[in-house]
N, C-alpha and C. Protein backbone atom coordinates (compact mmCIF):
# COMPACT_ATOMS: atom_id res chain seq x y z
N MET A 1 29.44 -23.87 52.12
CA MET A 1 30.57 -24.71 51.79
C MET A 1 31.69 -24.42 52.78
N SER A 2 32.48 -25.43 53.06
CA SER A 2 33.60 -25.27 53.99
C SER A 2 34.61 -24.28 53.42
N LYS A 3 35.26 -23.56 54.32
CA LYS A 3 36.25 -22.58 53.90
C LYS A 3 37.38 -23.24 53.14
N GLY A 4 37.79 -22.61 52.05
CA GLY A 4 38.92 -23.12 51.28
C GLY A 4 38.56 -24.20 50.29
N PHE A 5 37.33 -24.67 50.29
CA PHE A 5 36.92 -25.73 49.37
C PHE A 5 36.19 -25.15 48.18
N ASN A 6 36.39 -25.78 47.04
CA ASN A 6 35.66 -25.47 45.81
C ASN A 6 35.11 -26.78 45.26
N TYR A 7 34.11 -26.66 44.41
CA TYR A 7 33.63 -27.85 43.72
C TYR A 7 34.37 -27.99 42.40
N PHE A 8 34.81 -29.21 42.13
CA PHE A 8 35.45 -29.56 40.87
C PHE A 8 34.58 -30.60 40.18
N ARG A 9 34.44 -30.48 38.88
CA ARG A 9 33.68 -31.46 38.09
C ARG A 9 34.69 -32.43 37.48
N ILE A 10 34.52 -33.70 37.79
CA ILE A 10 35.39 -34.75 37.24
C ILE A 10 34.58 -35.52 36.20
N LYS A 11 35.05 -35.43 34.95
CA LYS A 11 34.41 -36.15 33.84
C LYS A 11 35.32 -37.31 33.46
N MET A 12 34.71 -38.49 33.33
CA MET A 12 35.48 -39.67 32.93
C MET A 12 34.79 -40.36 31.77
N ALA A 13 35.60 -40.91 30.88
CA ALA A 13 35.11 -41.74 29.79
C ALA A 13 36.01 -42.97 29.72
N TYR A 14 35.38 -44.13 29.67
CA TYR A 14 36.14 -45.38 29.65
C TYR A 14 35.29 -46.47 29.00
N LYS A 15 35.94 -47.56 28.66
CA LYS A 15 35.25 -48.71 28.06
C LYS A 15 34.82 -49.66 29.18
N GLY A 16 33.57 -50.10 29.09
CA GLY A 16 33.04 -51.05 30.06
C GLY A 16 31.96 -51.87 29.41
N THR A 17 31.33 -52.74 30.17
CA THR A 17 30.29 -53.60 29.60
C THR A 17 28.91 -53.07 30.00
N ASN A 18 27.96 -53.22 29.07
CA ASN A 18 26.58 -52.83 29.36
C ASN A 18 25.81 -54.04 29.87
N ASP A 19 24.49 -53.92 30.01
CA ASP A 19 23.65 -54.99 30.56
C ASP A 19 23.69 -56.26 29.70
N GLN A 20 23.93 -56.11 28.39
CA GLN A 20 23.97 -57.26 27.49
C GLN A 20 25.38 -57.85 27.37
N GLY A 21 26.35 -57.24 28.04
CA GLY A 21 27.72 -57.74 28.01
C GLY A 21 28.57 -57.15 26.91
N ALA A 22 28.02 -56.26 26.11
CA ALA A 22 28.79 -55.63 25.04
C ALA A 22 29.71 -54.55 25.62
N ILE A 23 30.85 -54.37 24.97
CA ILE A 23 31.78 -53.33 25.42
C ILE A 23 31.35 -52.00 24.80
N VAL A 24 31.09 -51.04 25.66
CA VAL A 24 30.62 -49.72 25.23
C VAL A 24 31.40 -48.64 25.96
N THR A 25 31.33 -47.41 25.44
CA THR A 25 31.94 -46.27 26.13
C THR A 25 30.99 -45.80 27.22
N ILE A 26 31.51 -45.67 28.41
CA ILE A 26 30.74 -45.21 29.56
C ILE A 26 31.28 -43.85 29.96
N LYS A 27 30.36 -42.91 30.16
CA LYS A 27 30.75 -41.57 30.59
C LYS A 27 30.15 -41.29 31.95
N SER A 28 30.90 -40.60 32.80
CA SER A 28 30.38 -40.24 34.12
C SER A 28 30.87 -38.84 34.49
N GLU A 29 30.09 -38.18 35.35
CA GLU A 29 30.47 -36.88 35.89
C GLU A 29 30.19 -36.88 37.38
N ASP A 30 31.15 -36.36 38.12
CA ASP A 30 31.01 -36.26 39.57
C ASP A 30 31.43 -34.87 40.00
N LEU A 31 30.74 -34.32 41.00
CA LEU A 31 31.15 -33.06 41.62
C LEU A 31 31.83 -33.41 42.93
N VAL A 32 33.04 -32.88 43.12
CA VAL A 32 33.78 -33.19 44.34
C VAL A 32 34.27 -31.91 44.99
N MET A 33 34.29 -31.89 46.31
CA MET A 33 34.84 -30.77 47.06
C MET A 33 36.33 -31.01 47.24
N ALA A 34 37.11 -29.99 46.88
CA ALA A 34 38.56 -30.09 47.05
C ALA A 34 39.11 -28.69 47.27
N THR A 35 40.28 -28.63 47.89
CA THR A 35 40.89 -27.32 48.15
C THR A 35 41.68 -26.82 46.95
N CYS A 36 42.12 -27.73 46.07
CA CYS A 36 42.92 -27.33 44.91
C CYS A 36 42.79 -28.38 43.81
N TYR A 37 43.32 -28.04 42.66
CA TYR A 37 43.26 -28.95 41.51
C TYR A 37 43.97 -30.27 41.80
N THR A 38 45.12 -30.20 42.47
CA THR A 38 45.89 -31.41 42.77
C THR A 38 45.08 -32.38 43.63
N GLU A 39 44.36 -31.83 44.60
CA GLU A 39 43.52 -32.67 45.45
C GLU A 39 42.38 -33.30 44.63
N ALA A 40 41.78 -32.52 43.73
CA ALA A 40 40.72 -33.03 42.86
C ALA A 40 41.27 -34.14 41.95
N GLU A 41 42.51 -33.97 41.52
CA GLU A 41 43.15 -34.97 40.66
C GLU A 41 43.35 -36.29 41.42
N GLN A 42 43.72 -36.22 42.68
CA GLN A 42 43.87 -37.43 43.50
C GLN A 42 42.54 -38.16 43.63
N ILE A 43 41.47 -37.40 43.82
CA ILE A 43 40.13 -37.98 43.92
C ILE A 43 39.75 -38.63 42.60
N ALA A 44 40.05 -37.96 41.49
CA ALA A 44 39.73 -38.49 40.16
C ALA A 44 40.43 -39.83 39.92
N TYR A 45 41.71 -39.91 40.28
CA TYR A 45 42.44 -41.17 40.09
C TYR A 45 41.88 -42.29 40.97
N LYS A 46 41.43 -41.93 42.16
CA LYS A 46 40.81 -42.92 43.04
C LYS A 46 39.49 -43.42 42.42
N LEU A 47 38.69 -42.48 41.87
CA LEU A 47 37.42 -42.86 41.22
C LEU A 47 37.65 -43.71 39.97
N ALA A 48 38.78 -43.51 39.31
CA ALA A 48 39.07 -44.22 38.06
C ALA A 48 39.62 -45.63 38.29
N GLU A 49 40.00 -45.94 39.52
CA GLU A 49 40.57 -47.26 39.81
C GLU A 49 39.62 -48.37 39.39
N GLY A 50 40.17 -49.36 38.67
CA GLY A 50 39.39 -50.51 38.25
C GLY A 50 38.55 -50.29 37.00
N LYS A 51 38.60 -49.11 36.43
CA LYS A 51 37.80 -48.82 35.23
C LYS A 51 38.64 -48.88 33.96
N ASP A 52 39.87 -49.38 34.07
CA ASP A 52 40.76 -49.44 32.92
C ASP A 52 40.91 -50.85 32.36
N GLU A 53 39.94 -51.69 32.62
CA GLU A 53 39.99 -53.09 32.18
C GLU A 53 40.05 -53.21 30.65
N PHE A 54 39.34 -52.34 29.92
CA PHE A 54 39.28 -52.42 28.47
C PHE A 54 39.99 -51.26 27.78
N GLY A 55 40.87 -50.58 28.47
CA GLY A 55 41.60 -49.46 27.88
C GLY A 55 41.77 -48.35 28.90
N GLU A 56 42.33 -47.26 28.42
CA GLU A 56 42.60 -46.13 29.31
C GLU A 56 41.33 -45.40 29.71
N VAL A 57 41.42 -44.73 30.84
CA VAL A 57 40.33 -43.89 31.33
C VAL A 57 40.69 -42.44 31.01
N ASP A 58 39.84 -41.78 30.24
CA ASP A 58 40.04 -40.36 29.96
C ASP A 58 39.43 -39.56 31.11
N ILE A 59 40.22 -38.67 31.69
CA ILE A 59 39.76 -37.87 32.84
C ILE A 59 39.92 -36.39 32.50
N GLU A 60 38.85 -35.64 32.78
CA GLU A 60 38.89 -34.19 32.65
C GLU A 60 38.43 -33.60 33.98
N ILE A 61 39.19 -32.64 34.49
CA ILE A 61 38.86 -32.01 35.77
C ILE A 61 38.69 -30.52 35.53
N VAL A 62 37.55 -29.99 35.95
CA VAL A 62 37.26 -28.57 35.74
C VAL A 62 36.81 -27.96 37.07
N ARG A 63 37.43 -26.85 37.44
CA ARG A 63 36.97 -26.12 38.62
C ARG A 63 35.67 -25.42 38.26
N THR A 64 34.67 -25.52 39.12
CA THR A 64 33.36 -24.94 38.82
C THR A 64 33.15 -23.67 39.63
N LYS A 65 32.08 -22.98 39.30
CA LYS A 65 31.68 -21.79 40.06
C LYS A 65 30.51 -22.13 40.98
N ILE A 66 30.32 -23.39 41.26
CA ILE A 66 29.22 -23.82 42.11
C ILE A 66 29.51 -23.37 43.54
N ALA A 67 28.56 -22.64 44.11
CA ALA A 67 28.74 -22.14 45.47
C ALA A 67 27.89 -22.93 46.46
N GLU A 68 26.77 -23.49 46.00
CA GLU A 68 25.84 -24.08 46.94
C GLU A 68 25.14 -25.31 46.33
N VAL A 69 25.18 -26.41 47.06
CA VAL A 69 24.44 -27.61 46.70
C VAL A 69 23.51 -27.91 47.87
N ALA A 70 22.21 -27.88 47.60
CA ALA A 70 21.22 -28.18 48.63
C ALA A 70 21.16 -29.69 48.82
N TYR A 71 20.89 -30.11 50.02
CA TYR A 71 20.80 -31.54 50.34
C TYR A 71 19.35 -31.89 50.65
N ASN A 72 18.90 -33.04 50.16
CA ASN A 72 17.62 -33.59 50.58
C ASN A 72 17.64 -35.11 50.41
N ASP A 73 16.54 -35.76 50.71
CA ASP A 73 16.48 -37.22 50.71
C ASP A 73 16.50 -37.85 49.32
N THR A 74 16.52 -37.05 48.26
CA THR A 74 16.65 -37.61 46.91
C THR A 74 18.02 -38.24 46.75
N PHE A 75 19.02 -37.68 47.44
CA PHE A 75 20.36 -38.25 47.44
C PHE A 75 20.38 -39.52 48.27
N VAL A 76 21.12 -40.52 47.81
CA VAL A 76 21.45 -41.69 48.62
C VAL A 76 22.87 -41.41 49.13
N THR A 77 23.11 -41.68 50.40
CA THR A 77 24.40 -41.35 51.00
C THR A 77 25.24 -42.60 51.19
N ASP A 78 26.48 -42.55 50.70
CA ASP A 78 27.45 -43.61 50.95
C ASP A 78 28.47 -43.04 51.91
N THR A 79 28.44 -43.49 53.15
CA THR A 79 29.31 -42.92 54.18
C THR A 79 30.72 -43.52 54.18
N GLU A 80 30.99 -44.47 53.28
CA GLU A 80 32.36 -44.98 53.15
C GLU A 80 33.19 -43.89 52.49
N LEU A 81 34.20 -43.44 53.20
CA LEU A 81 34.98 -42.31 52.72
C LEU A 81 35.85 -42.66 51.53
N ILE A 82 35.83 -41.79 50.53
CA ILE A 82 36.72 -41.88 49.37
C ILE A 82 37.56 -40.62 49.40
N CYS A 83 38.85 -40.78 49.66
CA CYS A 83 39.76 -39.63 49.81
C CYS A 83 39.23 -38.65 50.85
N GLY A 84 38.62 -39.15 51.90
CA GLY A 84 38.12 -38.31 52.98
C GLY A 84 36.78 -37.66 52.70
N LEU A 85 36.10 -38.03 51.61
CA LEU A 85 34.82 -37.43 51.25
C LEU A 85 33.68 -38.44 51.32
N ILE A 86 32.50 -37.94 51.61
CA ILE A 86 31.28 -38.75 51.63
C ILE A 86 30.56 -38.52 50.30
N SER A 87 30.06 -39.59 49.72
CA SER A 87 29.45 -39.51 48.39
C SER A 87 27.93 -39.52 48.47
N TYR A 88 27.31 -38.55 47.77
CA TYR A 88 25.86 -38.52 47.56
C TYR A 88 25.64 -38.94 46.12
N PHE A 89 24.70 -39.86 45.89
CA PHE A 89 24.45 -40.31 44.53
C PHE A 89 22.98 -40.63 44.35
N PHE A 90 22.59 -41.03 43.13
CA PHE A 90 21.20 -41.35 42.81
C PHE A 90 21.11 -42.83 42.48
N GLU A 91 20.09 -43.51 43.03
CA GLU A 91 19.91 -44.94 42.75
C GLU A 91 19.18 -45.21 41.45
N GLU A 92 18.36 -44.25 41.01
CA GLU A 92 17.54 -44.45 39.83
C GLU A 92 18.42 -44.48 38.58
N SER A 93 17.92 -45.13 37.53
CA SER A 93 18.68 -45.23 36.29
C SER A 93 18.75 -43.89 35.60
N GLU A 94 19.66 -43.79 34.65
CA GLU A 94 19.84 -42.54 33.92
C GLU A 94 18.67 -42.24 32.99
N ASP A 95 17.78 -43.21 32.79
CA ASP A 95 16.62 -43.02 31.91
C ASP A 95 15.55 -42.15 32.57
N THR A 96 15.65 -41.94 33.87
CA THR A 96 14.64 -41.15 34.58
C THR A 96 15.10 -39.69 34.63
N GLU A 97 14.24 -38.83 35.16
CA GLU A 97 14.58 -37.42 35.32
C GLU A 97 15.28 -37.16 36.65
N VAL A 98 15.48 -38.19 37.45
CA VAL A 98 16.10 -38.01 38.77
C VAL A 98 17.54 -37.55 38.59
N GLY A 99 17.90 -36.50 39.31
CA GLY A 99 19.26 -36.01 39.22
C GLY A 99 19.43 -34.69 39.90
N LEU A 100 20.53 -34.06 39.58
CA LEU A 100 20.87 -32.76 40.14
C LEU A 100 20.41 -31.68 39.16
N TYR A 101 19.76 -30.66 39.69
CA TYR A 101 19.24 -29.57 38.87
C TYR A 101 19.89 -28.25 39.29
N GLN A 102 20.22 -27.42 38.29
CA GLN A 102 20.71 -26.06 38.53
C GLN A 102 19.49 -25.15 38.54
N VAL A 103 19.28 -24.46 39.63
CA VAL A 103 18.15 -23.54 39.71
C VAL A 103 18.71 -22.12 39.81
N ALA A 104 18.44 -21.32 38.76
CA ALA A 104 18.91 -19.93 38.72
C ALA A 104 17.88 -19.03 39.39
N LEU A 105 18.33 -18.24 40.35
CA LEU A 105 17.45 -17.36 41.11
C LEU A 105 17.88 -15.91 40.98
N VAL A 106 16.90 -15.02 41.07
CA VAL A 106 17.17 -13.59 41.18
C VAL A 106 16.58 -13.14 42.51
N PHE A 107 17.43 -12.60 43.38
CA PHE A 107 16.97 -12.10 44.67
C PHE A 107 16.79 -10.59 44.58
N TYR A 108 15.76 -10.10 45.27
CA TYR A 108 15.46 -8.67 45.28
C TYR A 108 15.73 -8.11 46.66
N ASP A 109 16.62 -7.11 46.72
CA ASP A 109 16.97 -6.45 47.97
C ASP A 109 16.54 -5.00 47.90
N THR A 110 15.91 -4.50 48.95
CA THR A 110 15.53 -3.08 49.00
C THR A 110 16.58 -2.33 49.81
N ASP A 111 17.17 -1.29 49.19
CA ASP A 111 18.16 -0.46 49.86
C ASP A 111 17.44 0.38 50.92
N GLU A 112 17.88 0.26 52.17
CA GLU A 112 17.24 0.96 53.28
C GLU A 112 17.25 2.48 53.11
N LYS A 113 18.35 3.02 52.59
CA LYS A 113 18.50 4.47 52.49
C LYS A 113 17.72 5.04 51.30
N SER A 114 17.92 4.46 50.12
CA SER A 114 17.31 5.03 48.91
C SER A 114 15.93 4.45 48.61
N GLY A 115 15.65 3.27 49.14
CA GLY A 115 14.36 2.62 48.86
C GLY A 115 14.33 1.92 47.52
N LYS A 116 15.46 1.95 46.79
CA LYS A 116 15.52 1.30 45.48
C LYS A 116 15.73 -0.20 45.65
N THR A 117 15.22 -0.93 44.68
CA THR A 117 15.37 -2.38 44.69
C THR A 117 16.60 -2.77 43.88
N LYS A 118 17.46 -3.56 44.48
CA LYS A 118 18.64 -4.10 43.81
C LYS A 118 18.43 -5.59 43.62
N THR A 119 19.03 -6.10 42.57
CA THR A 119 18.91 -7.53 42.32
C THR A 119 20.27 -8.20 42.42
N SER A 120 20.26 -9.46 42.79
CA SER A 120 21.47 -10.28 42.78
C SER A 120 21.10 -11.67 42.28
N ASN A 121 22.01 -12.27 41.55
CA ASN A 121 21.76 -13.59 40.96
C ASN A 121 22.47 -14.67 41.77
N SER A 122 21.87 -15.84 41.79
CA SER A 122 22.45 -16.98 42.48
C SER A 122 21.98 -18.26 41.79
N THR A 123 22.84 -19.25 41.77
CA THR A 123 22.46 -20.56 41.25
C THR A 123 22.68 -21.58 42.35
N ILE A 124 21.64 -22.32 42.66
CA ILE A 124 21.72 -23.35 43.69
C ILE A 124 21.46 -24.69 43.01
N TYR A 125 22.26 -25.68 43.33
CA TYR A 125 22.09 -27.02 42.79
C TYR A 125 21.28 -27.84 43.78
N VAL A 126 20.26 -28.53 43.29
CA VAL A 126 19.37 -29.28 44.17
C VAL A 126 19.02 -30.62 43.53
N PRO A 127 19.03 -31.71 44.30
CA PRO A 127 18.60 -33.00 43.77
C PRO A 127 17.07 -33.06 43.74
N ALA A 128 16.53 -33.70 42.69
CA ALA A 128 15.08 -33.81 42.57
C ALA A 128 14.71 -34.91 41.59
N TYR A 129 13.43 -35.30 41.62
CA TYR A 129 12.92 -36.31 40.71
C TYR A 129 12.47 -35.71 39.38
N SER A 130 12.30 -34.38 39.33
CA SER A 130 11.89 -33.69 38.11
C SER A 130 12.19 -32.21 38.26
N SER A 131 12.08 -31.47 37.17
CA SER A 131 12.33 -30.03 37.26
C SER A 131 11.27 -29.34 38.12
N ALA A 132 10.03 -29.82 38.07
CA ALA A 132 8.98 -29.24 38.91
C ALA A 132 9.30 -29.46 40.39
N GLU A 133 9.78 -30.65 40.72
CA GLU A 133 10.15 -30.93 42.11
C GLU A 133 11.37 -30.12 42.52
N ALA A 134 12.28 -29.85 41.59
CA ALA A 134 13.46 -29.04 41.89
C ALA A 134 13.03 -27.65 42.36
N ILE A 135 12.02 -27.08 41.71
CA ILE A 135 11.51 -25.77 42.12
C ILE A 135 10.95 -25.83 43.54
N GLU A 136 10.17 -26.86 43.82
CA GLU A 136 9.60 -27.01 45.16
C GLU A 136 10.70 -27.25 46.20
N ASN A 137 11.70 -28.06 45.84
CA ASN A 137 12.81 -28.32 46.76
C ASN A 137 13.61 -27.06 47.07
N ILE A 138 13.74 -26.17 46.09
CA ILE A 138 14.43 -24.90 46.32
C ILE A 138 13.64 -24.05 47.31
N ARG A 139 12.33 -24.00 47.13
CA ARG A 139 11.50 -23.22 48.06
C ARG A 139 11.64 -23.74 49.50
N ILE A 140 11.62 -25.05 49.64
CA ILE A 140 11.78 -25.67 50.96
C ILE A 140 13.17 -25.34 51.52
N TYR A 141 14.18 -25.49 50.69
CA TYR A 141 15.56 -25.24 51.12
C TYR A 141 15.75 -23.79 51.58
N LEU A 142 15.22 -22.84 50.81
CA LEU A 142 15.37 -21.43 51.17
C LEU A 142 14.68 -21.11 52.50
N LYS A 143 13.55 -21.77 52.77
CA LYS A 143 12.90 -21.59 54.07
C LYS A 143 13.76 -22.16 55.18
N GLN A 144 14.35 -23.34 54.93
CA GLN A 144 15.18 -23.99 55.95
C GLN A 144 16.39 -23.15 56.32
N VAL A 145 16.99 -22.47 55.33
CA VAL A 145 18.18 -21.67 55.62
C VAL A 145 17.83 -20.26 56.06
N GLY A 146 16.53 -19.96 56.19
CA GLY A 146 16.10 -18.68 56.73
C GLY A 146 16.15 -17.52 55.74
N GLU A 147 16.05 -17.81 54.47
CA GLU A 147 16.07 -16.76 53.44
C GLU A 147 14.78 -15.96 53.51
N THR A 148 14.89 -14.64 53.66
CA THR A 148 13.70 -13.79 53.78
C THR A 148 13.51 -12.86 52.59
N ARG A 149 14.50 -12.77 51.71
CA ARG A 149 14.37 -11.88 50.56
C ARG A 149 13.37 -12.45 49.55
N GLU A 150 12.75 -11.55 48.79
CA GLU A 150 11.89 -11.97 47.68
C GLU A 150 12.80 -12.52 46.58
N TYR A 151 12.30 -13.47 45.82
CA TYR A 151 13.11 -14.04 44.74
C TYR A 151 12.22 -14.51 43.60
N THR A 152 12.84 -14.67 42.46
CA THR A 152 12.20 -15.23 41.28
C THR A 152 13.08 -16.36 40.77
N ILE A 153 12.45 -17.45 40.38
CA ILE A 153 13.20 -18.56 39.78
C ILE A 153 13.21 -18.31 38.27
N ARG A 154 14.39 -18.15 37.71
CA ARG A 154 14.53 -17.80 36.29
C ARG A 154 14.70 -19.01 35.38
N ASN A 155 15.36 -20.04 35.88
CA ASN A 155 15.70 -21.14 35.01
C ASN A 155 15.96 -22.40 35.84
N VAL A 156 15.55 -23.54 35.32
CA VAL A 156 15.85 -24.82 35.95
C VAL A 156 16.45 -25.70 34.87
N LYS A 157 17.64 -26.24 35.14
CA LYS A 157 18.35 -27.01 34.12
C LYS A 157 18.92 -28.29 34.74
N TYR A 158 18.77 -29.40 34.03
CA TYR A 158 19.30 -30.68 34.48
C TYR A 158 20.82 -30.66 34.38
N ASP A 159 21.48 -31.16 35.41
CA ASP A 159 22.94 -31.25 35.43
C ASP A 159 23.34 -32.70 35.27
N LYS A 160 24.42 -32.97 34.57
CA LYS A 160 24.84 -34.34 34.28
C LYS A 160 25.57 -35.04 35.42
N ALA A 161 25.82 -34.35 36.52
CA ALA A 161 26.56 -34.96 37.63
C ALA A 161 25.78 -36.14 38.20
N GLN A 162 26.47 -37.26 38.35
CA GLN A 162 25.85 -38.47 38.89
C GLN A 162 26.03 -38.59 40.39
N SER A 163 27.00 -37.84 40.90
CA SER A 163 27.21 -37.86 42.35
C SER A 163 27.85 -36.55 42.78
N VAL A 164 27.73 -36.29 44.07
CA VAL A 164 28.36 -35.12 44.69
C VAL A 164 29.12 -35.65 45.90
N MET A 165 30.39 -35.28 46.00
CA MET A 165 31.21 -35.75 47.11
C MET A 165 31.56 -34.56 47.99
N VAL A 166 31.22 -34.68 49.28
CA VAL A 166 31.40 -33.58 50.23
C VAL A 166 32.23 -34.02 51.42
N THR A 167 32.72 -33.03 52.16
CA THR A 167 33.50 -33.32 53.37
C THR A 167 32.56 -33.84 54.47
N PRO A 168 33.08 -34.57 55.43
CA PRO A 168 32.25 -35.03 56.54
C PRO A 168 31.59 -33.86 57.30
N GLU A 169 32.26 -32.72 57.39
CA GLU A 169 31.70 -31.56 58.08
C GLU A 169 30.46 -31.04 57.35
N VAL A 170 30.55 -30.96 56.03
CA VAL A 170 29.40 -30.50 55.23
C VAL A 170 28.26 -31.51 55.35
N HIS A 171 28.59 -32.80 55.33
CA HIS A 171 27.56 -33.83 55.47
C HIS A 171 26.87 -33.72 56.83
N LYS A 172 27.66 -33.50 57.87
CA LYS A 172 27.08 -33.36 59.21
C LYS A 172 26.12 -32.18 59.25
N ASN A 173 26.48 -31.05 58.63
CA ASN A 173 25.60 -29.89 58.58
C ASN A 173 24.35 -30.16 57.75
N ASN A 174 24.47 -31.00 56.73
CA ASN A 174 23.32 -31.32 55.87
C ASN A 174 22.29 -32.18 56.57
N ILE A 175 22.74 -33.11 57.41
CA ILE A 175 21.77 -34.04 58.01
C ILE A 175 21.18 -33.52 59.31
N ILE A 176 21.81 -32.52 59.92
CA ILE A 176 21.25 -31.93 61.14
C ILE A 176 20.45 -30.70 60.75
N PRO A 177 19.13 -30.73 60.99
CA PRO A 177 18.30 -29.58 60.58
C PRO A 177 18.59 -28.33 61.37
């Protein structure tokens, strides 16, 4: 992740129309890179534009502890900048398993001096078509970034984020192998 940036989760709830034209409550979640809460708030207001046709838009912004989001072709990229960010999203409907998955890992490090094994935990977010594919995508990602430590995958969990918004610099690093 770029220096000084954190991921913020923007949750929105608003009234909109469904496929049959009925007015229903629509909920969305987006992960955005921002340097501070105020910047995340500006992005949230930009995302909320035009969604207040049938009432107010409820917005909740939470700073996350997300350190790493892996990129792959499961994401569709919209290069039109929104508040200076590029948006990754999913084309498939919410009825499918396609989405962002949290993969919890335990890495094993051997101390050179004592020979003892130390463990460290990490959670990487990865887009995938299913939880099984998320595991495979993590393995591929770790090879791409040159990870040589032994690891165990402890947990795979579906995340509700519908899109991830990153800086152009992060996007450039993601698309260049």
